[in-house]
Every structure is written in C-alpha cells, then in structure tokens.
Amino acid sequence: MKTWVKWLILGILSIAFGLFVLANPVAASIAVTTLAGIMFAVSGGIQLVAGFGEESTGAKLMGIALGVLMLFLGVSLMFHPLQGVISLTLLVAILFLASGIARVITSFQMRDTLFFWPMLLSGALSVLLGGYILANFATVAPSLLGILLGIELLFNGAGLMALAFFLRTARGAIKDKLEGRLKS
C-alpha cells in the first residue's frame, strides 16, 4: 500500500471518529476524563517507583510526593469521571481566558504591524469563548471536552487528507521531473 493511501485512510478514520464523538459529546467527555485518569495513575506509579530510586533525600522526597500526587489525581479522575469533567472544563475555560488576555496584551505591542488585528481578534475571541464557558458552565461543562475532541479529530482528519493528497501529487511531480532529466 502506498504511503499517501495510508495517510488518506488515517484521515478518513479521524473524520469518522470526530463525527462519532460529536454525536455524543458527553460520553466522549467522560471517556477522555477516564483515559486521562488512567494515564495520570500510570505516570504516578512510574514516578513513585523512580522516586524511591533517587539517591539524594530531597530528590527522593520530591519524586515520591509528585508520584503520590499524580497517582491520587489519576485515581480520582478514574473513579469520579463526572467531577473530573467539571474540573477539566473549568481548567479549559481558565486557559482560554489566560491565553486570550496574553494575546490581547501582546497585540498592543504589535500595534504598528500587519499582525496587530489578527492577534487582537484571536485574543478577544479566546476571552469571549472562556467567558461564554464560565457564564454557561452548568450547560457547557458535561459536553465541552467531547466537543473539543470531536473538532480536533475533524481538523486532524482534514489535515491528514491534505497531507495524503500532497504526497500523491508531490511524488508524481518528482517522478515526472526525474523522467524529464533522464530523457535529456
């Protein structure tokens, strides 16, 4: 199977999964939270073991404390995924607000350039999105993570399909160029 076909199939699958996730974003949010919990728990366990292997007392205590914290967070997300969804949604809203405010501030340092308005608009939209999430938190919280995952899968799929078609046309162009040189 050609490389570009593999990327095309992966892109189509990503779009299909994105549509599947968007069909039930609440279930996807819970699944994402549970998966994050598993990853935190595994990472915490590994960190805990690594912490016991440290030679200096300070590094050992820090490693163990970090491992216990990550393990606790992971177990909490796994066994209380709905509360985890709410916590992660609040974190997303705060990140939108913080990054938006940072981009608005940065835009004023770019006032005399062509990049002022795009940066200002980008920051303002992030601030508005973060404000919207906080203003409608009870309604948005259960499904936001799933919606963001679905949108990311759709964009990822579109990007992978574009890459596949680029590879297909680039390979053909390179082949034509080489054949032209051989004939000369």
N, C-alpha and C. Protein backbone atom coordinates (compact mmCIF):
# COMPACT_ATOMS: atom_id res chain seq x y z
N MET A 1 0.86 -1.18 0.00
CA MET A 1 0.00 0.00 0.00
C MET A 1 0.90 1.24 0.00
N LYS A 2 0.55 2.19 -0.83
CA LYS A 2 1.35 3.40 -0.95
C LYS A 2 1.19 4.27 0.30
N THR A 3 2.22 5.06 0.57
CA THR A 3 2.25 5.90 1.77
C THR A 3 1.09 6.88 1.79
N TRP A 4 0.80 7.51 0.66
CA TRP A 4 -0.25 8.51 0.65
C TRP A 4 -1.61 7.89 0.94
N VAL A 5 -1.80 6.63 0.54
CA VAL A 5 -3.08 5.94 0.79
C VAL A 5 -3.24 5.68 2.29
N LYS A 6 -2.14 5.34 2.95
CA LYS A 6 -2.19 5.13 4.41
C LYS A 6 -2.61 6.41 5.13
N TRP A 7 -2.02 7.55 4.72
CA TRP A 7 -2.39 8.83 5.33
C TRP A 7 -3.84 9.18 5.03
N LEU A 8 -4.28 8.87 3.83
CA LEU A 8 -5.67 9.14 3.46
C LEU A 8 -6.64 8.32 4.31
N ILE A 9 -6.34 7.05 4.49
CA ILE A 9 -7.19 6.18 5.33
C ILE A 9 -7.21 6.70 6.76
N LEU A 10 -6.05 7.09 7.27
CA LEU A 10 -5.98 7.63 8.64
C LEU A 10 -6.80 8.91 8.76
N GLY A 11 -6.74 9.76 7.74
CA GLY A 11 -7.53 10.99 7.75
C GLY A 11 -9.02 10.71 7.73
N ILE A 12 -9.44 9.76 6.90
CA ILE A 12 -10.86 9.40 6.84
C ILE A 12 -11.33 8.82 8.17
N LEU A 13 -10.50 7.97 8.78
CA LEU A 13 -10.85 7.41 10.09
C LEU A 13 -10.96 8.50 11.15
N SER A 14 -10.04 9.47 11.12
CA SER A 14 -10.08 10.56 12.08
C SER A 14 -11.37 11.36 11.93
N ILE A 15 -11.76 11.64 10.70
CA ILE A 15 -13.02 12.37 10.47
C ILE A 15 -14.21 11.55 10.95
N ALA A 16 -14.20 10.24 10.66
CA ALA A 16 -15.30 9.38 11.10
C ALA A 16 -15.40 9.36 12.62
N PHE A 17 -14.26 9.23 13.30
CA PHE A 17 -14.28 9.24 14.77
C PHE A 17 -14.70 10.60 15.30
N GLY A 18 -14.29 11.67 14.62
CA GLY A 18 -14.71 13.01 15.03
C GLY A 18 -16.22 13.16 14.98
N LEU A 19 -16.82 12.67 13.90
CA LEU A 19 -18.29 12.72 13.79
C LEU A 19 -18.95 11.85 14.85
N PHE A 20 -18.36 10.70 15.13
CA PHE A 20 -18.88 9.80 16.17
C PHE A 20 -18.83 10.48 17.53
N VAL A 21 -17.72 11.14 17.83
CA VAL A 21 -17.57 11.85 19.11
C VAL A 21 -18.56 13.00 19.21
N LEU A 22 -18.73 13.75 18.13
CA LEU A 22 -19.66 14.88 18.16
C LEU A 22 -21.12 14.43 18.28
N ALA A 23 -21.40 13.19 17.92
CA ALA A 23 -22.76 12.66 18.06
C ALA A 23 -23.12 12.45 19.53
N ASN A 24 -22.13 12.21 20.38
CA ASN A 24 -22.39 12.05 21.81
C ASN A 24 -21.22 12.64 22.61
N PRO A 25 -21.16 13.97 22.71
CA PRO A 25 -20.01 14.60 23.35
C PRO A 25 -19.93 14.36 24.86
N VAL A 26 -21.05 14.10 25.52
CA VAL A 26 -21.00 13.86 26.97
C VAL A 26 -20.27 12.54 27.25
N ALA A 27 -20.62 11.49 26.51
CA ALA A 27 -19.93 10.20 26.68
C ALA A 27 -18.45 10.34 26.33
N ALA A 28 -18.16 11.12 25.28
CA ALA A 28 -16.76 11.33 24.91
C ALA A 28 -16.01 12.09 26.00
N SER A 29 -16.66 13.07 26.62
CA SER A 29 -16.02 13.82 27.71
C SER A 29 -15.68 12.89 28.87
N ILE A 30 -16.60 12.02 29.21
CA ILE A 30 -16.35 11.06 30.30
C ILE A 30 -15.23 10.11 29.92
N ALA A 31 -15.23 9.65 28.66
CA ALA A 31 -14.17 8.74 28.20
C ALA A 31 -12.81 9.42 28.23
N VAL A 32 -12.75 10.67 27.80
CA VAL A 32 -11.48 11.42 27.81
C VAL A 32 -10.99 11.59 29.24
N THR A 33 -11.89 11.91 30.14
CA THR A 33 -11.52 12.10 31.55
C THR A 33 -11.02 10.79 32.15
N THR A 34 -11.70 9.70 31.85
CA THR A 34 -11.29 8.40 32.37
C THR A 34 -9.92 8.01 31.81
N LEU A 35 -9.72 8.23 30.53
CA LEU A 35 -8.42 7.94 29.91
C LEU A 35 -7.32 8.81 30.52
N ALA A 36 -7.61 10.08 30.74
CA ALA A 36 -6.63 10.96 31.39
C ALA A 36 -6.31 10.43 32.79
N GLY A 37 -7.34 9.95 33.49
CA GLY A 37 -7.12 9.38 34.82
C GLY A 37 -6.21 8.17 34.78
N ILE A 38 -6.42 7.31 33.81
CA ILE A 38 -5.56 6.13 33.67
C ILE A 38 -4.12 6.55 33.40
N MET A 39 -3.95 7.52 32.52
CA MET A 39 -2.59 7.98 32.18
C MET A 39 -1.91 8.63 33.39
N PHE A 40 -2.66 9.43 34.15
CA PHE A 40 -2.09 10.03 35.35
C PHE A 40 -1.71 8.96 36.37
N ALA A 41 -2.57 7.95 36.53
CA ALA A 41 -2.30 6.89 37.50
C ALA A 41 -1.05 6.10 37.11
N VAL A 42 -0.94 5.76 35.84
CA VAL A 42 0.24 5.02 35.38
C VAL A 42 1.49 5.88 35.54
N SER A 43 1.41 7.14 35.12
CA SER A 43 2.56 8.04 35.26
C SER A 43 2.93 8.22 36.73
N GLY A 44 1.92 8.35 37.59
CA GLY A 44 2.18 8.49 39.02
C GLY A 44 2.86 7.27 39.60
N GLY A 45 2.42 6.09 39.19
CA GLY A 45 3.05 4.86 39.66
C GLY A 45 4.51 4.77 39.23
N ILE A 46 4.77 5.12 37.98
CA ILE A 46 6.15 5.11 37.48
C ILE A 46 6.99 6.14 38.22
N GLN A 47 6.42 7.33 38.43
CA GLN A 47 7.14 8.39 39.15
C GLN A 47 7.43 7.97 40.58
N LEU A 48 6.50 7.28 41.19
CA LEU A 48 6.68 6.80 42.57
C LEU A 48 7.85 5.82 42.65
N VAL A 49 7.88 4.88 41.73
CA VAL A 49 8.97 3.91 41.69
C VAL A 49 10.30 4.62 41.43
N ALA A 50 10.28 5.57 40.48
CA ALA A 50 11.51 6.32 40.17
C ALA A 50 11.95 7.15 41.37
N GLY A 51 10.99 7.68 42.11
CA GLY A 51 11.33 8.49 43.29
C GLY A 51 12.07 7.68 44.34
N PHE A 52 11.69 6.42 44.53
CA PHE A 52 12.38 5.57 45.51
C PHE A 52 13.80 5.25 45.05
N GLY A 53 14.05 5.34 43.75
CA GLY A 53 15.38 5.04 43.23
C GLY A 53 16.36 6.20 43.31
N GLU A 54 15.90 7.38 43.65
CA GLU A 54 16.78 8.55 43.74
C GLU A 54 17.75 8.39 44.90
N GLU A 55 18.95 8.97 44.74
CA GLU A 55 19.96 8.85 45.78
C GLU A 55 19.86 9.94 46.84
N SER A 56 19.65 11.18 46.41
CA SER A 56 19.59 12.26 47.40
C SER A 56 18.20 12.30 48.05
N THR A 57 18.18 12.69 49.30
CA THR A 57 16.93 12.71 50.06
C THR A 57 15.93 13.68 49.49
N GLY A 58 16.39 14.87 49.08
CA GLY A 58 15.48 15.88 48.52
C GLY A 58 14.82 15.39 47.24
N ALA A 59 15.63 14.82 46.34
CA ALA A 59 15.09 14.31 45.07
C ALA A 59 14.16 13.14 45.33
N LYS A 60 14.50 12.31 46.30
CA LYS A 60 13.67 11.15 46.63
C LYS A 60 12.30 11.62 47.15
N LEU A 61 12.31 12.58 48.08
CA LEU A 61 11.05 13.09 48.63
C LEU A 61 10.21 13.78 47.56
N MET A 62 10.85 14.57 46.70
CA MET A 62 10.13 15.27 45.64
C MET A 62 9.54 14.27 44.64
N GLY A 63 10.31 13.28 44.27
CA GLY A 63 9.83 12.26 43.33
C GLY A 63 8.67 11.47 43.89
N ILE A 64 8.77 11.07 45.14
CA ILE A 64 7.70 10.32 45.79
C ILE A 64 6.45 11.19 45.93
N ALA A 65 6.63 12.44 46.36
CA ALA A 65 5.47 13.35 46.52
C ALA A 65 4.77 13.58 45.18
N LEU A 66 5.55 13.81 44.14
CA LEU A 66 4.96 14.01 42.81
C LEU A 66 4.24 12.75 42.34
N GLY A 67 4.85 11.59 42.58
CA GLY A 67 4.21 10.33 42.20
C GLY A 67 2.90 10.10 42.93
N VAL A 68 2.88 10.37 44.23
CA VAL A 68 1.65 10.21 45.01
C VAL A 68 0.58 11.17 44.51
N LEU A 69 0.97 12.42 44.23
CA LEU A 69 0.01 13.41 43.74
C LEU A 69 -0.59 12.98 42.40
N MET A 70 0.26 12.55 41.47
CA MET A 70 -0.23 12.11 40.16
C MET A 70 -1.10 10.86 40.28
N LEU A 71 -0.71 9.94 41.14
CA LEU A 71 -1.49 8.73 41.37
C LEU A 71 -2.85 9.08 41.95
N PHE A 72 -2.88 9.99 42.92
CA PHE A 72 -4.14 10.43 43.52
C PHE A 72 -5.04 11.10 42.48
N LEU A 73 -4.46 11.97 41.67
CA LEU A 73 -5.22 12.64 40.62
C LEU A 73 -5.78 11.62 39.63
N GLY A 74 -4.97 10.67 39.22
CA GLY A 74 -5.42 9.65 38.29
C GLY A 74 -6.55 8.80 38.83
N VAL A 75 -6.41 8.36 40.06
CA VAL A 75 -7.46 7.53 40.68
C VAL A 75 -8.74 8.35 40.84
N SER A 76 -8.59 9.61 41.22
CA SER A 76 -9.75 10.48 41.36
C SER A 76 -10.49 10.65 40.04
N LEU A 77 -9.74 10.88 38.95
CA LEU A 77 -10.39 11.04 37.64
C LEU A 77 -11.03 9.73 37.17
N MET A 78 -10.40 8.61 37.48
CA MET A 78 -10.96 7.32 37.05
C MET A 78 -12.25 6.98 37.78
N PHE A 79 -12.28 7.21 39.08
CA PHE A 79 -13.44 6.80 39.87
C PHE A 79 -14.51 7.87 40.00
N HIS A 80 -14.20 9.10 39.62
CA HIS A 80 -15.17 10.20 39.64
C HIS A 80 -15.07 10.98 38.32
N PRO A 81 -15.37 10.33 37.20
CA PRO A 81 -15.15 10.99 35.91
C PRO A 81 -16.03 12.23 35.68
N LEU A 82 -17.24 12.24 36.23
CA LEU A 82 -18.09 13.41 36.02
C LEU A 82 -17.54 14.63 36.75
N GLN A 83 -17.05 14.43 37.96
CA GLN A 83 -16.40 15.53 38.68
C GLN A 83 -15.13 15.96 37.94
N GLY A 84 -14.43 14.98 37.37
CA GLY A 84 -13.23 15.29 36.59
C GLY A 84 -13.56 16.10 35.35
N VAL A 85 -14.68 15.77 34.70
CA VAL A 85 -15.11 16.54 33.53
C VAL A 85 -15.33 17.99 33.91
N ILE A 86 -15.98 18.21 35.05
CA ILE A 86 -16.26 19.57 35.51
C ILE A 86 -14.94 20.30 35.82
N SER A 87 -14.02 19.61 36.51
CA SER A 87 -12.73 20.24 36.83
C SER A 87 -11.94 20.56 35.57
N LEU A 88 -11.90 19.63 34.63
CA LEU A 88 -11.14 19.87 33.41
C LEU A 88 -11.78 20.95 32.55
N THR A 89 -13.10 21.03 32.55
CA THR A 89 -13.78 22.09 31.81
C THR A 89 -13.46 23.45 32.41
N LEU A 90 -13.44 23.53 33.73
CA LEU A 90 -13.05 24.79 34.38
C LEU A 90 -11.62 25.16 34.02
N LEU A 91 -10.74 24.16 33.98
CA LEU A 91 -9.36 24.41 33.60
C LEU A 91 -9.27 24.91 32.15
N VAL A 92 -10.06 24.32 31.25
CA VAL A 92 -10.08 24.76 29.85
C VAL A 92 -10.54 26.22 29.76
N ALA A 93 -11.59 26.56 30.50
CA ALA A 93 -12.09 27.94 30.48
C ALA A 93 -11.03 28.92 30.98
N ILE A 94 -10.35 28.56 32.04
CA ILE A 94 -9.29 29.42 32.59
C ILE A 94 -8.15 29.57 31.58
N LEU A 95 -7.79 28.46 30.91
CA LEU A 95 -6.72 28.53 29.90
C LEU A 95 -7.12 29.39 28.72
N PHE A 96 -8.38 29.29 28.27
CA PHE A 96 -8.86 30.16 27.20
C PHE A 96 -8.76 31.63 27.61
N LEU A 97 -9.21 31.93 28.82
CA LEU A 97 -9.15 33.31 29.29
C LEU A 97 -7.71 33.81 29.40
N ALA A 98 -6.84 33.00 30.00
CA ALA A 98 -5.45 33.42 30.20
C ALA A 98 -4.72 33.60 28.87
N SER A 99 -4.88 32.65 27.96
CA SER A 99 -4.18 32.78 26.67
C SER A 99 -4.76 33.93 25.86
N GLY A 100 -6.07 34.15 25.96
CA GLY A 100 -6.69 35.26 25.25
C GLY A 100 -6.20 36.60 25.77
N ILE A 101 -6.13 36.75 27.08
CA ILE A 101 -5.64 38.00 27.67
C ILE A 101 -4.18 38.23 27.27
N ALA A 102 -3.39 37.16 27.28
CA ALA A 102 -1.98 37.29 26.89
C ALA A 102 -1.86 37.74 25.42
N ARG A 103 -2.71 37.19 24.55
CA ARG A 103 -2.65 37.59 23.14
C ARG A 103 -3.13 39.02 22.93
N VAL A 104 -4.14 39.45 23.69
CA VAL A 104 -4.59 40.85 23.59
C VAL A 104 -3.47 41.79 24.01
N ILE A 105 -2.81 41.48 25.11
CA ILE A 105 -1.70 42.31 25.58
C ILE A 105 -0.57 42.31 24.55
N THR A 106 -0.27 41.15 24.02
CA THR A 106 0.79 41.05 23.00
C THR A 106 0.43 41.84 21.75
N SER A 107 -0.85 41.85 21.41
CA SER A 107 -1.26 42.55 20.18
C SER A 107 -0.94 44.05 20.27
N PHE A 108 -1.05 44.64 21.45
CA PHE A 108 -0.77 46.06 21.58
C PHE A 108 0.72 46.37 21.45
N GLN A 109 1.55 45.36 21.64
CA GLN A 109 2.98 45.54 21.39
C GLN A 109 3.28 45.43 19.90
N MET A 110 2.31 44.93 19.12
CA MET A 110 2.46 44.76 17.68
C MET A 110 1.62 45.78 16.93
N ARG A 111 1.26 46.85 17.59
CA ARG A 111 0.31 47.84 17.06
C ARG A 111 0.68 48.39 15.69
N ASP A 112 1.93 48.57 15.41
CA ASP A 112 2.35 49.19 14.15
C ASP A 112 2.61 48.17 13.04
N THR A 113 2.22 46.92 13.25
CA THR A 113 2.47 45.89 12.24
C THR A 113 1.16 45.40 11.65
N LEU A 114 1.28 44.60 10.60
CA LEU A 114 0.10 43.99 9.98
C LEU A 114 -0.52 42.91 10.87
N PHE A 115 0.21 42.47 11.88
CA PHE A 115 -0.23 41.37 12.72
C PHE A 115 -1.05 41.81 13.92
N PHE A 116 -1.24 43.11 14.08
CA PHE A 116 -1.98 43.63 15.23
C PHE A 116 -3.42 43.11 15.25
N TRP A 117 -4.16 43.32 14.17
CA TRP A 117 -5.58 42.95 14.16
C TRP A 117 -5.80 41.44 14.27
N PRO A 118 -5.05 40.60 13.54
CA PRO A 118 -5.26 39.16 13.73
C PRO A 118 -4.98 38.71 15.17
N MET A 119 -3.91 39.24 15.77
CA MET A 119 -3.57 38.87 17.13
C MET A 119 -4.64 39.37 18.11
N LEU A 120 -5.09 40.61 17.93
CA LEU A 120 -6.12 41.17 18.79
C LEU A 120 -7.42 40.37 18.67
N LEU A 121 -7.81 40.07 17.45
CA LEU A 121 -9.04 39.31 17.22
C LEU A 121 -8.94 37.91 17.82
N SER A 122 -7.81 37.27 17.62
CA SER A 122 -7.60 35.93 18.17
C SER A 122 -7.71 35.94 19.70
N GLY A 123 -7.06 36.91 20.33
CA GLY A 123 -7.13 37.01 21.79
C GLY A 123 -8.52 37.34 22.29
N ALA A 124 -9.20 38.28 21.60
CA ALA A 124 -10.55 38.66 22.01
C ALA A 124 -11.51 37.48 21.90
N LEU A 125 -11.37 36.70 20.83
CA LEU A 125 -12.25 35.53 20.67
C LEU A 125 -12.00 34.49 21.76
N SER A 126 -10.73 34.29 22.14
CA SER A 126 -10.44 33.36 23.23
C SER A 126 -11.02 33.84 24.55
N VAL A 127 -10.93 35.15 24.81
CA VAL A 127 -11.51 35.70 26.04
C VAL A 127 -13.03 35.53 26.02
N LEU A 128 -13.65 35.82 24.88
CA LEU A 128 -15.10 35.64 24.77
C LEU A 128 -15.51 34.18 24.95
N LEU A 129 -14.73 33.26 24.36
CA LEU A 129 -15.04 31.83 24.50
C LEU A 129 -14.90 31.39 25.95
N GLY A 130 -13.83 31.81 26.61
CA GLY A 130 -13.66 31.48 28.02
C GLY A 130 -14.78 32.06 28.87
N GLY A 131 -15.18 33.31 28.59
CA GLY A 131 -16.29 33.93 29.31
C GLY A 131 -17.60 33.21 29.05
N TYR A 132 -17.82 32.79 27.80
CA TYR A 132 -19.04 32.05 27.47
C TYR A 132 -19.11 30.73 28.25
N ILE A 133 -17.98 30.04 28.31
CA ILE A 133 -17.94 28.76 29.04
C ILE A 133 -18.27 29.00 30.51
N LEU A 134 -17.67 30.01 31.12
CA LEU A 134 -17.93 30.29 32.54
C LEU A 134 -19.36 30.75 32.77
N ALA A 135 -19.91 31.57 31.85
CA ALA A 135 -21.28 32.08 32.01
C ALA A 135 -22.32 30.98 31.86
N ASN A 136 -22.02 29.97 31.07
CA ASN A 136 -22.96 28.87 30.83
C ASN A 136 -22.38 27.55 31.32
N PHE A 137 -21.67 27.61 32.43
CA PHE A 137 -20.88 26.47 32.89
C PHE A 137 -21.72 25.21 33.09
N ALA A 138 -22.87 25.34 33.72
CA ALA A 138 -23.69 24.15 34.00
C ALA A 138 -24.15 23.45 32.73
N THR A 139 -24.41 24.23 31.70
CA THR A 139 -24.87 23.66 30.43
C THR A 139 -23.72 23.12 29.61
N VAL A 140 -22.61 23.83 29.60
CA VAL A 140 -21.49 23.52 28.72
C VAL A 140 -20.58 22.43 29.29
N ALA A 141 -20.40 22.39 30.60
CA ALA A 141 -19.38 21.54 31.22
C ALA A 141 -19.46 20.06 30.82
N PRO A 142 -20.62 19.43 30.84
CA PRO A 142 -20.62 17.99 30.54
C PRO A 142 -20.17 17.63 29.12
N SER A 143 -20.35 18.54 28.18
CA SER A 143 -20.07 18.17 26.79
C SER A 143 -18.87 18.87 26.17
N LEU A 144 -18.29 19.87 26.82
CA LEU A 144 -17.25 20.68 26.19
C LEU A 144 -16.04 19.86 25.77
N LEU A 145 -15.53 19.01 26.64
CA LEU A 145 -14.33 18.24 26.30
C LEU A 145 -14.59 17.34 25.10
N GLY A 146 -15.77 16.75 25.04
CA GLY A 146 -16.12 15.90 23.90
C GLY A 146 -16.22 16.71 22.62
N ILE A 147 -16.82 17.90 22.71
CA ILE A 147 -16.93 18.76 21.52
C ILE A 147 -15.54 19.18 21.04
N LEU A 148 -14.67 19.57 21.95
CA LEU A 148 -13.31 19.96 21.57
C LEU A 148 -12.56 18.78 20.95
N LEU A 149 -12.73 17.59 21.51
CA LEU A 149 -12.10 16.39 20.94
C LEU A 149 -12.63 16.11 19.54
N GLY A 150 -13.95 16.19 19.37
CA GLY A 150 -14.55 15.95 18.06
C GLY A 150 -14.05 16.93 17.01
N ILE A 151 -13.99 18.20 17.38
CA ILE A 151 -13.50 19.22 16.45
C ILE A 151 -12.03 18.97 16.11
N GLU A 152 -11.24 18.62 17.11
CA GLU A 152 -9.83 18.31 16.86
C GLU A 152 -9.69 17.12 15.92
N LEU A 153 -10.49 16.09 16.11
CA LEU A 153 -10.43 14.93 15.22
C LEU A 153 -10.82 15.29 13.79
N LEU A 154 -11.82 16.16 13.63
CA LEU A 154 -12.22 16.60 12.28
C LEU A 154 -11.09 17.38 11.61
N PHE A 155 -10.51 18.34 12.33
CA PHE A 155 -9.41 19.13 11.77
C PHE A 155 -8.19 18.26 11.48
N ASN A 156 -7.91 17.33 12.40
CA ASN A 156 -6.79 16.41 12.21
C ASN A 156 -7.01 15.57 10.96
N GLY A 157 -8.22 15.06 10.78
CA GLY A 157 -8.54 14.25 9.60
C GLY A 157 -8.39 15.04 8.32
N ALA A 158 -8.87 16.29 8.34
CA ALA A 158 -8.74 17.13 7.15
C ALA A 158 -7.26 17.39 6.84
N GLY A 159 -6.46 17.63 7.87
CA GLY A 159 -5.03 17.84 7.67
C GLY A 159 -4.33 16.60 7.13
N LEU A 160 -4.70 15.44 7.65
CA LEU A 160 -4.10 14.20 7.17
C LEU A 160 -4.48 13.91 5.72
N MET A 161 -5.73 14.21 5.36
CA MET A 161 -6.15 14.02 3.97
C MET A 161 -5.40 14.98 3.05
N ALA A 162 -5.21 16.21 3.49
CA ALA A 162 -4.44 17.18 2.69
C ALA A 162 -3.01 16.69 2.52
N LEU A 163 -2.42 16.15 3.59
CA LEU A 163 -1.07 15.60 3.51
C LEU A 163 -1.02 14.45 2.51
N ALA A 164 -2.02 13.58 2.56
CA ALA A 164 -2.06 12.44 1.64
C ALA A 164 -2.09 12.90 0.19
N PHE A 165 -2.95 13.85 -0.11
CA PHE A 165 -3.04 14.33 -1.50
C PHE A 165 -1.78 15.09 -1.91
N PHE A 166 -1.16 15.79 -0.96
CA PHE A 166 0.10 16.46 -1.25
C PHE A 166 1.17 15.43 -1.60
N LEU A 167 1.26 14.37 -0.79
CA LEU A 167 2.26 13.33 -1.05
C LEU A 167 2.02 12.67 -2.40
N ARG A 168 0.77 12.47 -2.73
CA ARG A 168 0.43 11.85 -4.02
C ARG A 168 0.88 12.74 -5.18
N THR A 169 0.57 14.03 -5.11
CA THR A 169 0.93 14.93 -6.21
C THR A 169 2.43 15.22 -6.20
N ALA A 170 3.04 15.33 -5.03
CA ALA A 170 4.48 15.60 -4.96
C ALA A 170 5.27 14.44 -5.52
N ARG A 171 4.85 13.23 -5.22
CA ARG A 171 5.55 12.05 -5.74
C ARG A 171 5.45 12.02 -7.26
N GLY A 172 4.26 12.35 -7.80
CA GLY A 172 4.08 12.39 -9.25
C GLY A 172 4.94 13.47 -9.89
N ALA A 173 5.02 14.64 -9.25
CA ALA A 173 5.83 15.74 -9.79
C ALA A 173 7.31 15.39 -9.77
N ILE A 174 7.76 14.76 -8.70
CA ILE A 174 9.17 14.36 -8.61
C ILE A 174 9.47 13.30 -9.67
N LYS A 175 8.58 12.35 -9.84
CA LYS A 175 8.76 11.29 -10.84
C LYS A 175 8.84 11.89 -12.24
N ASP A 176 7.93 12.84 -12.56
CA ASP A 176 7.95 13.49 -13.87
C ASP A 176 9.25 14.25 -14.08
N LYS A 177 9.73 14.92 -13.03
CA LYS A 177 10.97 15.69 -13.14
C LYS A 177 12.16 14.77 -13.39
N LEU A 178 12.21 13.64 -12.68
CA LEU A 178 13.31 12.70 -12.87
C LEU A 178 13.27 12.09 -14.27
N GLU A 179 12.09 11.74 -14.74
CA GLU A 179 11.97 11.18 -16.08
C GLU A 179 12.40 12.20 -17.14
N GLY A 180 12.08 13.47 -16.92
CA GLY A 180 12.49 14.53 -17.83
C GLY A 180 14.01 14.68 -17.88
N ARG A 181 14.67 14.53 -16.73
CA ARG A 181 16.12 14.64 -16.68
C ARG A 181 16.78 13.45 -17.36
N LEU A 182 16.19 12.28 -17.19
CA LEU A 182 16.77 11.08 -17.81
C LEU A 182 16.68 11.13 -19.33
N LYS A 183 15.62 11.73 -19.84
CA LYS A 183 15.46 11.83 -21.30
C LYS A 183 16.40 12.87 -21.90
N SER A 184 16.84 13.83 -21.12
CA SER A 184 17.70 14.90 -21.64
C SER A 184 19.11 14.47 -21.83
